[in-house]
C-alpha atoms as a PDB file:
ATOM      1  CA  MET A   1     -10.351  -4.284  -5.132  1.00  0.00           C
ATOM      2  CA  THR A   2     -11.287  -1.842  -7.871  1.00  0.00           C
ATOM      3  CA  ASP A   3      -9.512  -1.001 -10.989  1.00  0.00           C
ATOM      4  CA  GLU A   4      -9.217   2.689 -10.339  1.00  0.00           C
ATOM      5  CA  PRO A   5      -5.833   4.338 -10.511  1.00  0.00           C
ATOM      6  CA  GLU A   6      -6.313   6.597  -7.632  1.00  0.00           C
ATOM      7  CA  ILE A   7      -4.866   5.909  -4.204  1.00  0.00           C
ATOM      8  CA  ASN A   8      -7.795   5.268  -2.041  1.00  0.00           C
ATOM      9  CA  ALA A   9      -9.607   2.813   0.327  1.00  0.00           C
ATOM     10  CA  CYS A  10     -12.827   2.541   2.043  1.00  0.00           C
ATOM     11  CA  ALA A  11     -14.749   0.380   4.433  1.00  0.00           C
ATOM     12  CA  ARG A  12     -18.429  -0.453   4.419  1.00  0.00           C
ATOM     13  CA  TRP A  13     -20.797  -2.232   6.781  1.00  0.00           C
ATOM     14  CA  GLU A  14     -23.059  -4.794   5.151  1.00  0.00           C
ATOM     15  CA  GLU A  15     -26.119  -5.141   7.312  1.00  0.00           C
ATOM     16  CA  ALA A  16     -27.401  -8.441   5.996  1.00  0.00           C
ATOM     17  CA  SER A  17     -24.251 -10.295   6.996  1.00  0.00           C
ATOM     18  CA  SER A  18     -23.171  -8.022   9.860  1.00  0.00           C
ATOM     19  CA  THR A  19     -19.790  -7.724   8.177  1.00  0.00           C
ATOM     20  CA  TYR A  20     -17.392  -4.841   7.438  1.00  0.00           C
ATOM     21  CA  TYR A  21     -15.759  -4.789   4.142  1.00  0.00           C
ATOM     22  CA  ALA A  22     -12.369  -3.052   3.046  1.00  0.00           C
ATOM     23  CA  GLU A  23     -12.086  -1.987  -0.523  1.00  0.00           C
ATOM     24  CA  PHE A  24      -8.816  -0.859  -1.986  1.00  0.00           C
ATOM     25  CA  THR A  25      -8.114   0.657  -5.374  1.00  0.00           C
ATOM     26  CA  LEU A  26      -5.473  -0.749  -7.780  1.00  0.00           C
ATOM     27  CA  GLY A  27      -3.507   2.593  -7.158  1.00  0.00           C
ATOM     28  CA  MET A  28      -3.487   1.906  -3.515  1.00  0.00           C
ATOM     29  CA  ILE A  29      -2.046  -1.635  -3.945  1.00  0.00           C
ATOM     30  CA  VAL A  30       0.645  -0.317  -6.340  1.00  0.00           C
ATOM     31  CA  TRP A  31       1.599   2.378  -3.958  1.00  0.00           C
ATOM     32  CA  LEU A  32       1.765   0.282  -0.869  1.00  0.00           C
ATOM     33  CA  ASP A  33       3.849  -2.298  -2.847  1.00  0.00           C
ATOM     34  CA  GLY A  34       6.445   0.482  -3.493  1.00  0.00           C
ATOM     35  CA  VAL A  35       6.419   1.621   0.189  1.00  0.00           C
ATOM     36  CA  ALA A  36       6.877  -2.145   1.233  1.00  0.00           C
ATOM     37  CA  ALA A  37       9.787  -2.513  -1.084  1.00  0.00           C
ATOM     38  CA  THR A  38      11.404   0.738   0.144  1.00  0.00           C
ATOM     39  CA  LEU A  39      10.972  -0.293   3.710  1.00  0.00           C
ATOM     40  CA  ALA A  40      12.579  -3.693   3.096  1.00  0.00           C
ATOM     41  CA  SER A  41      15.660  -2.052   1.438  1.00  0.00           C
ATOM     42  CA  HIS A  42      16.052   0.068   4.489  1.00  0.00           C
ATOM     43  CA  ILE A  43      15.708  -2.800   6.884  1.00  0.00           C
ATOM     44  CA  VAL A  44      18.256  -4.926   4.781  1.00  0.00           C
ATOM     45  CA  ARG A  45      20.940  -2.299   5.256  1.00  0.00           C
ATOM     46  CA  ASP A  46      20.066  -1.522   8.876  1.00  0.00           C
ATOM     47  CA  PHE A  47      18.781   1.895   8.095  1.00  0.00           C
ATOM     48  CA  GLU A  48      22.317   3.100   7.133  1.00  0.00           C
ATOM     49  CA  PRO A  49      22.187   5.977   4.511  1.00  0.00           C
ATOM     50  CA  ALA A  50      22.520   4.842   0.700  1.00  0.00           C
ATOM     51  CA  SER A  51      24.038   6.990  -2.054  1.00  0.00           C
ATOM     52  CA  TYR A  52      20.904   6.433  -3.977  1.00  0.00           C
ATOM     53  CA  LEU A  53      17.180   5.879  -3.262  1.00  0.00           C
ATOM     54  CA  PRO A  54      16.020   2.377  -4.272  1.00  0.00           C
ATOM     55  CA  LEU A  55      12.552   3.706  -5.378  1.00  0.00           C
ATOM     56  CA  HIS A  56      11.066   7.062  -6.005  1.00  0.00           C
ATOM     57  CA  LEU A  57       7.835   7.478  -4.113  1.00  0.00           C
END
């Protein structure tokens, strides 16, 4: 993870260890947390419409 505020991710191949690495920015983690919370609220109420949005994305 990097401390960048942008919403971004990348993958890279490290030849020495024959391993792929995924890197995420802090902005991506914060954005995904909001998406997860919003989806969880929809699941809890069985996707019934609500009079308000739980989070603004």
